[in-house]
PDB file of all heavy atoms in Angstrom:
ATOM      1  N   GLU A   1      53.546 111.322 190.049  1.00  0.00           N
ATOM      2  CA  GLU A   1      54.338 111.636 188.855  1.00  0.00           C
ATOM      3  C   GLU A   1      55.361 112.725 189.110  1.00  0.00           C
ATOM      4  O   GLU A   1      56.479 112.644 188.634  1.00  0.00           O
ATOM      5  CB  GLU A   1      53.380 112.036 187.718  1.00  0.00           C
ATOM      6  CG  GLU A   1      52.581 110.936 187.112  1.00  0.00           C
ATOM      7  CD  GLU A   1      53.459 109.792 186.596  1.00  0.00           C
ATOM      8  OE1 GLU A   1      54.499 110.121 185.966  1.00  0.00           O
ATOM      9  OE2 GLU A   1      53.126 108.645 186.778  1.00  0.00           O
ATOM     10  N   ARG A   2      55.022 113.724 189.903  1.00  0.00           N
ATOM     11  CA  ARG A   2      55.936 114.810 190.121  1.00  0.00           C
ATOM     12  C   ARG A   2      57.126 114.367 190.943  1.00  0.00           C
ATOM     13  O   ARG A   2      58.287 114.621 190.599  1.00  0.00           O
ATOM     14  CB  ARG A   2      55.218 115.987 190.852  1.00  0.00           C
ATOM     15  CG  ARG A   2      56.075 117.231 190.918  1.00  0.00           C
ATOM     16  CD  ARG A   2      55.316 118.366 191.527  1.00  0.00           C
ATOM     17  NE  ARG A   2      54.966 118.123 192.911  1.00  0.00           N
ATOM     18  CZ  ARG A   2      54.355 118.980 193.706  1.00  0.00           C
ATOM     19  NH1 ARG A   2      53.940 120.122 193.233  1.00  0.00           N
ATOM     20  NH2 ARG A   2      54.109 118.719 194.947  1.00  0.00           N
ATOM     21  N   ARG A   3      56.881 113.647 192.018  1.00  0.00           N
ATOM     22  CA  ARG A   3      57.959 113.177 192.899  1.00  0.00           C
ATOM     23  C   ARG A   3      58.776 112.127 192.196  1.00  0.00           C
ATOM     24  O   ARG A   3      59.979 112.011 192.350  1.00  0.00           O
ATOM     25  CB  ARG A   3      57.401 112.631 194.215  1.00  0.00           C
ATOM     26  CG  ARG A   3      56.703 113.716 195.037  1.00  0.00           C
ATOM     27  CD  ARG A   3      56.246 113.126 196.342  1.00  0.00           C
ATOM     28  NE  ARG A   3      55.407 114.067 197.061  1.00  0.00           N
ATOM     29  CZ  ARG A   3      54.864 113.855 198.256  1.00  0.00           C
ATOM     30  NH1 ARG A   3      55.015 112.680 198.782  1.00  0.00           N
ATOM     31  NH2 ARG A   3      54.127 114.751 198.829  1.00  0.00           N
ATOM     32  N   ARG A   4      58.060 111.298 191.411  1.00  0.00           N
ATOM     33  CA  ARG A   4      58.750 110.204 190.696  1.00  0.00           C
ATOM     34  C   ARG A   4      59.783 110.743 189.730  1.00  0.00           C
ATOM     35  O   ARG A   4      60.854 110.173 189.603  1.00  0.00           O
ATOM     36  CB  ARG A   4      57.684 109.387 189.956  1.00  0.00           C
ATOM     37  CG  ARG A   4      58.214 108.188 189.241  1.00  0.00           C
ATOM     38  CD  ARG A   4      57.051 107.481 188.543  1.00  0.00           C
ATOM     39  NE  ARG A   4      57.493 106.351 187.793  1.00  0.00           N
ATOM     40  CZ  ARG A   4      56.721 105.679 186.921  1.00  0.00           C
ATOM     41  NH1 ARG A   4      55.479 106.040 186.840  1.00  0.00           N
ATOM     42  NH2 ARG A   4      57.201 104.679 186.250  1.00  0.00           N
ATOM     43  N   ALA A   5      59.520 111.861 189.114  1.00  0.00           N
ATOM     44  CA  ALA A   5      60.460 112.453 188.174  1.00  0.00           C
ATOM     45  C   ALA A   5      61.770 112.823 188.880  1.00  0.00           C
ATOM     46  O   ALA A   5      62.859 112.689 188.337  1.00  0.00           O
ATOM     47  CB  ALA A   5      59.846 113.685 187.535  1.00  0.00           C
ATOM     48  N   THR A   6      61.640 113.266 190.121  1.00  0.00           N
ATOM     49  CA  THR A   6      62.827 113.644 190.902  1.00  0.00           C
ATOM     50  C   THR A   6      63.619 112.400 191.311  1.00  0.00           C
ATOM     51  O   THR A   6      64.846 112.354 191.235  1.00  0.00           O
ATOM     52  CB  THR A   6      62.422 114.446 192.150  1.00  0.00           C
ATOM     53  OG1 THR A   6      61.693 115.588 191.726  1.00  0.00           O
ATOM     54  CG2 THR A   6      63.630 114.884 192.942  1.00  0.00           C
ATOM     55  N   VAL A   7      62.878 111.398 191.759  1.00  0.00           N
ATOM     56  CA  VAL A   7      63.530 110.197 192.272  1.00  0.00           C
ATOM     57  C   VAL A   7      64.256 109.435 191.183  1.00  0.00           C
ATOM     58  O   VAL A   7      65.343 108.900 191.363  1.00  0.00           O
ATOM     59  CB  VAL A   7      62.497 109.285 192.946  1.00  0.00           C
ATOM     60  CG1 VAL A   7      63.131 107.944 193.333  1.00  0.00           C
ATOM     61  CG2 VAL A   7      61.911 109.934 194.189  1.00  0.00           C
ATOM     62  N   MET A   8      63.631 109.390 189.976  1.00  0.00           N
ATOM     63  CA  MET A   8      64.152 108.518 188.925  1.00  0.00           C
ATOM     64  C   MET A   8      65.238 109.173 188.095  1.00  0.00           C
ATOM     65  O   MET A   8      65.920 108.481 187.348  1.00  0.00           O
ATOM     66  CB  MET A   8      62.985 108.082 188.024  1.00  0.00           C
ATOM     67  CG  MET A   8      61.963 107.235 188.750  1.00  0.00           C
ATOM     68  SD  MET A   8      60.628 106.689 187.664  1.00  0.00           S
ATOM     69  CE  MET A   8      61.502 105.557 186.582  1.00  0.00           C
ATOM     70  N   ALA A   9      65.385 110.480 188.099  1.00  0.00           N
ATOM     71  CA  ALA A   9      66.437 111.138 187.290  1.00  0.00           C
ATOM     72  C   ALA A   9      67.807 110.741 187.810  1.00  0.00           C
ATOM     73  O   ALA A   9      68.005 110.535 188.957  1.00  0.00           O
ATOM     74  CB  ALA A   9      66.209 112.634 187.364  1.00  0.00           C
ATOM     75  N   PRO A  10      68.809 110.677 186.922  1.00  0.00           N
ATOM     76  CA  PRO A  10      68.716 110.771 185.476  1.00  0.00           C
ATOM     77  C   PRO A  10      69.038 109.506 184.770  1.00  0.00           C
ATOM     78  O   PRO A  10      69.338 109.479 183.573  1.00  0.00           O
ATOM     79  CB  PRO A  10      69.759 111.841 185.186  1.00  0.00           C
ATOM     80  CG  PRO A  10      70.855 111.468 186.155  1.00  0.00           C
ATOM     81  CD  PRO A  10      70.182 110.885 187.383  1.00  0.00           C
ATOM     82  N   VAL A  11      69.041 108.357 185.492  1.00  0.00           N
ATOM     83  CA  VAL A  11      69.524 107.102 184.910  1.00  0.00           C
ATOM     84  C   VAL A  11      68.405 106.311 184.270  1.00  0.00           C
ATOM     85  O   VAL A  11      67.308 106.211 184.839  1.00  0.00           O
ATOM     86  CB  VAL A  11      70.218 106.248 186.020  1.00  0.00           C
ATOM     87  CG1 VAL A  11      70.747 104.946 185.434  1.00  0.00           C
ATOM     88  CG2 VAL A  11      71.313 107.053 186.660  1.00  0.00           C
ATOM     89  N   SER A  12      68.665 105.718 183.107  1.00  0.00           N
ATOM     90  CA  SER A  12      67.632 104.924 182.410  1.00  0.00           C
ATOM     91  C   SER A  12      67.829 103.467 182.693  1.00  0.00           C
ATOM     92  O   SER A  12      68.959 103.017 183.028  1.00  0.00           O
ATOM     93  CB  SER A  12      67.701 105.185 180.920  1.00  0.00           C
ATOM     94  OG  SER A  12      68.904 104.674 180.360  1.00  0.00           O
ATOM     95  N   TYR A  13      66.793 102.647 182.540  1.00  0.00           N
ATOM     96  CA  TYR A  13      66.881 101.230 182.713  1.00  0.00           C
ATOM     97  C   TYR A  13      67.870 100.630 181.697  1.00  0.00           C
ATOM     98  O   TYR A  13      68.628  99.706 182.016  1.00  0.00           O
ATOM     99  CB  TYR A  13      65.532 100.546 182.528  1.00  0.00           C
ATOM    100  CG  TYR A  13      64.508 100.971 183.545  1.00  0.00           C
ATOM    101  CD1 TYR A  13      63.157 100.781 183.310  1.00  0.00           C
ATOM    102  CD2 TYR A  13      64.885 101.505 184.768  1.00  0.00           C
ATOM    103  CE1 TYR A  13      62.215 101.140 184.215  1.00  0.00           C
ATOM    104  CE2 TYR A  13      63.924 101.910 185.695  1.00  0.00           C
ATOM    105  CZ  TYR A  13      62.596 101.694 185.433  1.00  0.00           C
ATOM    106  OH  TYR A  13      61.641 102.070 186.357  1.00  0.00           O
ATOM    107  N   THR A  14      67.840 101.161 180.477  1.00  0.00           N
ATOM    108  CA  THR A  14      68.728 100.644 179.436  1.00  0.00           C
ATOM    109  C   THR A  14      70.184 100.824 179.849  1.00  0.00           C
ATOM    110  O   THR A  14      71.009  99.922 179.654  1.00  0.00           O
ATOM    111  CB  THR A  14      68.470 101.432 178.133  1.00  0.00           C
ATOM    112  OG1 THR A  14      67.129 101.293 177.781  1.00  0.00           O
ATOM    113  CG2 THR A  14      69.374 100.846 177.033  1.00  0.00           C
ATOM    114  N   HIS A  15      70.493 101.969 180.437  1.00  0.00           N
ATOM    115  CA  HIS A  15      71.898 102.216 180.889  1.00  0.00           C
ATOM    116  C   HIS A  15      72.296 101.179 181.922  1.00  0.00           C
ATOM    117  O   HIS A  15      73.405 100.621 181.885  1.00  0.00           O
ATOM    118  CB  HIS A  15      72.006 103.613 181.503  1.00  0.00           C
ATOM    119  CG  HIS A  15      73.282 103.827 182.230  1.00  0.00           C
ATOM    120  ND1 HIS A  15      74.485 104.033 181.574  1.00  0.00           N
ATOM    121  CD2 HIS A  15      73.550 103.900 183.549  1.00  0.00           C
ATOM    122  CE1 HIS A  15      75.419 104.211 182.451  1.00  0.00           C
ATOM    123  NE2 HIS A  15      74.909 104.128 183.668  1.00  0.00           N
ATOM    124  N   LEU A  16      71.414 100.851 182.861  1.00  0.00           N
ATOM    125  CA  LEU A  16      71.761  99.923 183.905  1.00  0.00           C
ATOM    126  C   LEU A  16      71.865  98.508 183.374  1.00  0.00           C
ATOM    127  O   LEU A  16      72.731  97.766 183.793  1.00  0.00           O
ATOM    128  CB  LEU A  16      70.714  99.987 185.029  1.00  0.00           C
ATOM    129  CG  LEU A  16      70.737 101.266 185.854  1.00  0.00           C
ATOM    130  CD1 LEU A  16      69.605 101.288 186.829  1.00  0.00           C
ATOM    131  CD2 LEU A  16      72.062 101.372 186.621  1.00  0.00           C
ATOM    132  N   ARG A  17      70.998  98.124 182.468  1.00  0.00           N
ATOM    133  CA  ARG A  17      71.079  96.772 181.944  1.00  0.00           C
ATOM    134  C   ARG A  17      72.350  96.543 181.144  1.00  0.00           C
ATOM    135  O   ARG A  17      72.812  95.458 180.948  1.00  0.00           O
ATOM    136  CB  ARG A  17      69.846  96.459 181.081  1.00  0.00           C
ATOM    137  CG  ARG A  17      68.542  96.348 181.890  1.00  0.00           C
ATOM    138  CD  ARG A  17      67.455  95.690 181.081  1.00  0.00           C
ATOM    139  NE  ARG A  17      66.218  95.556 181.892  1.00  0.00           N
ATOM    140  CZ  ARG A  17      65.174  96.362 181.765  1.00  0.00           C
ATOM    141  NH1 ARG A  17      65.236  97.357 180.884  1.00  0.00           N
ATOM    142  NH2 ARG A  17      64.110  96.195 182.488  1.00  0.00           N
ATOM    143  N   ALA A  18      72.868  97.682 180.630  1.00  0.00           N
ATOM    144  CA  ALA A  18      74.132  97.573 179.859  1.00  0.00           C
ATOM    145  C   ALA A  18      75.330  97.391 180.757  1.00  0.00           C
ATOM    146  O   ALA A  18      76.413  97.116 180.309  1.00  0.00           O
ATOM    147  CB  ALA A  18      74.306  98.839 179.027  1.00  0.00           C
ATOM    148  N   HIS A  19      75.099  97.497 182.097  1.00  0.00           N
ATOM    149  CA  HIS A  19      76.213  97.364 183.055  1.00  0.00           C
ATOM    150  C   HIS A  19      75.896  96.312 184.073  1.00  0.00           C
ATOM    151  O   HIS A  19      76.086  96.479 185.265  1.00  0.00           O
ATOM    152  CB  HIS A  19      76.461  98.701 183.758  1.00  0.00           C
ATOM    153  CG  HIS A  19      76.989  99.775 182.845  1.00  0.00           C
ATOM    154  ND1 HIS A  19      76.171 100.494 181.999  1.00  0.00           N
ATOM    155  CD2 HIS A  19      78.245 100.213 182.645  1.00  0.00           C
ATOM    156  CE1 HIS A  19      76.927 101.356 181.319  1.00  0.00           C
ATOM    157  NE2 HIS A  19      78.152 101.206 181.705  1.00  0.00           N
ATOM    158  N   GLU A  20      75.382  95.145 183.636  1.00  0.00           N
ATOM    159  CA  GLU A  20      75.051  94.079 184.543  1.00  0.00           C
ATOM    160  C   GLU A  20      76.306  93.280 184.885  1.00  0.00           C
ATOM    161  O   GLU A  20      76.556  92.174 184.419  1.00  0.00           O
ATOM    162  CB  GLU A  20      73.991  93.157 183.937  1.00  0.00           C
ATOM    163  CG  GLU A  20      72.619  93.792 183.833  1.00  0.00           C
ATOM    164  CD  GLU A  20      71.635  92.916 183.114  1.00  0.00           C
ATOM    165  OE1 GLU A  20      72.031  91.749 182.806  1.00  0.00           O
ATOM    166  OE2 GLU A  20      70.500  93.311 182.857  1.00  0.00           O
ATOM    167  N   THR A  21      77.133  93.908 185.717  1.00  0.00           N
ATOM    168  CA  THR A  21      78.336  93.219 186.180  1.00  0.00           C
ATOM    169  C   THR A  21      78.112  92.850 187.617  1.00  0.00           C
ATOM    170  O   THR A  21      77.085  92.245 187.958  1.00  0.00           O
ATOM    171  CB  THR A  21      79.535  94.158 186.015  1.00  0.00           C
ATOM    172  OG1 THR A  21      79.281  95.392 186.697  1.00  0.00           O
ATOM    173  CG2 THR A  21      79.794  94.462 184.569  1.00  0.00           C
ATOM    174  N   ASP A  22      79.030  93.217 188.511  1.00  0.00           N
ATOM    175  CA  ASP A  22      78.861  92.806 189.906  1.00  0.00           C
ATOM    176  C   ASP A  22      77.696  93.565 190.551  1.00  0.00           C
ATOM    177  O   ASP A  22      77.078  93.064 191.468  1.00  0.00           O
ATOM    178  CB  ASP A  22      80.149  93.135 190.704  1.00  0.00           C
ATOM    179  CG  ASP A  22      81.250  92.154 190.330  1.00  0.00           C
ATOM    180  OD1 ASP A  22      80.885  91.091 189.751  1.00  0.00           O
ATOM    181  OD2 ASP A  22      82.379  92.449 190.599  1.00  0.00           O
ATOM    182  N   SER A  23      77.391  94.803 190.065  1.00  0.00           N
ATOM    183  CA  SER A  23      76.306  95.512 190.711  1.00  0.00           C
ATOM    184  C   SER A  23      74.973  94.962 190.323  1.00  0.00           C
ATOM    185  O   SER A  23      73.980  95.034 191.075  1.00  0.00           O
ATOM    186  CB  SER A  23      76.376  97.007 190.324  1.00  0.00           C
ATOM    187  OG  SER A  23      76.312  97.152 188.938  1.00  0.00           O
ATOM    188  N   TYR A  24      74.810  94.407 189.113  1.00  0.00           N
ATOM    189  CA  TYR A  24      73.615  93.700 188.627  1.00  0.00           C
ATOM    190  C   TYR A  24      72.337  94.435 189.012  1.00  0.00           C
ATOM    191  O   TYR A  24      71.520  93.972 189.803  1.00  0.00           O
ATOM    192  CB  TYR A  24      73.587  92.280 189.174  1.00  0.00           C
ATOM    193  CG  TYR A  24      72.614  91.380 188.410  1.00  0.00           C
ATOM    194  CD1 TYR A  24      73.052  90.739 187.275  1.00  0.00           C
ATOM    195  CD2 TYR A  24      71.306  91.233 188.834  1.00  0.00           C
ATOM    196  CE1 TYR A  24      72.144  89.912 186.534  1.00  0.00           C
ATOM    197  CE2 TYR A  24      70.407  90.448 188.141  1.00  0.00           C
ATOM    198  CZ  TYR A  24      70.854  89.762 186.990  1.00  0.00           C
ATOM    199  OH  TYR A  24      69.988  88.988 186.269  1.00  0.00           O
ATOM    200  N   LEU A  25      72.129  95.548 188.409  1.00  0.00           N
ATOM    201  CA  LEU A  25      70.991  96.350 188.801  1.00  0.00           C
ATOM    202  C   LEU A  25      69.821  96.246 187.771  1.00  0.00           C
ATOM    203  O   LEU A  25      69.493  97.151 187.076  1.00  0.00           O
ATOM    204  CB  LEU A  25      71.340  97.806 188.926  1.00  0.00           C
ATOM    205  CG  LEU A  25      72.053  98.164 190.260  1.00  0.00           C
ATOM    206  CD1 LEU A  25      72.480  99.612 190.248  1.00  0.00           C
ATOM    207  CD2 LEU A  25      71.088  97.923 191.409  1.00  0.00           C
ATOM    208  N   VAL A  26      69.266  95.040 187.689  1.00  0.00           N
ATOM    209  CA  VAL A  26      68.029  94.909 186.944  1.00  0.00           C
ATOM    210  C   VAL A  26      66.946  95.516 187.817  1.00  0.00           C
ATOM    211  O   VAL A  26      66.848  95.233 189.007  1.00  0.00           O
ATOM    212  CB  VAL A  26      67.710  93.438 186.655  1.00  0.00           C
ATOM    213  CG1 VAL A  26      66.338  93.296 186.013  1.00  0.00           C
ATOM    214  CG2 VAL A  26      68.763  92.823 185.745  1.00  0.00           C
ATOM    215  N   CYS A  27      66.109  96.335 187.188  1.00  0.00           N
ATOM    216  CA  CYS A  27      65.224  97.177 188.022  1.00  0.00           C
ATOM    217  C   CYS A  27      63.970  96.462 188.478  1.00  0.00           C
ATOM    218  O   CYS A  27      63.159  97.038 189.205  1.00  0.00           O
ATOM    219  CB  CYS A  27      64.848  98.458 187.260  1.00  0.00           C
ATOM    220  SG  CYS A  27      66.275  99.449 186.896  1.00  0.00           S
TER     221      CYS A  27
END
């Protein structure tokens, strides 16, 4: 949990799904 918080900051899945263009970053 501690390391995960560092790795995952600061982008949310919702933000990425809202930008499913050429990068298509479904997690």
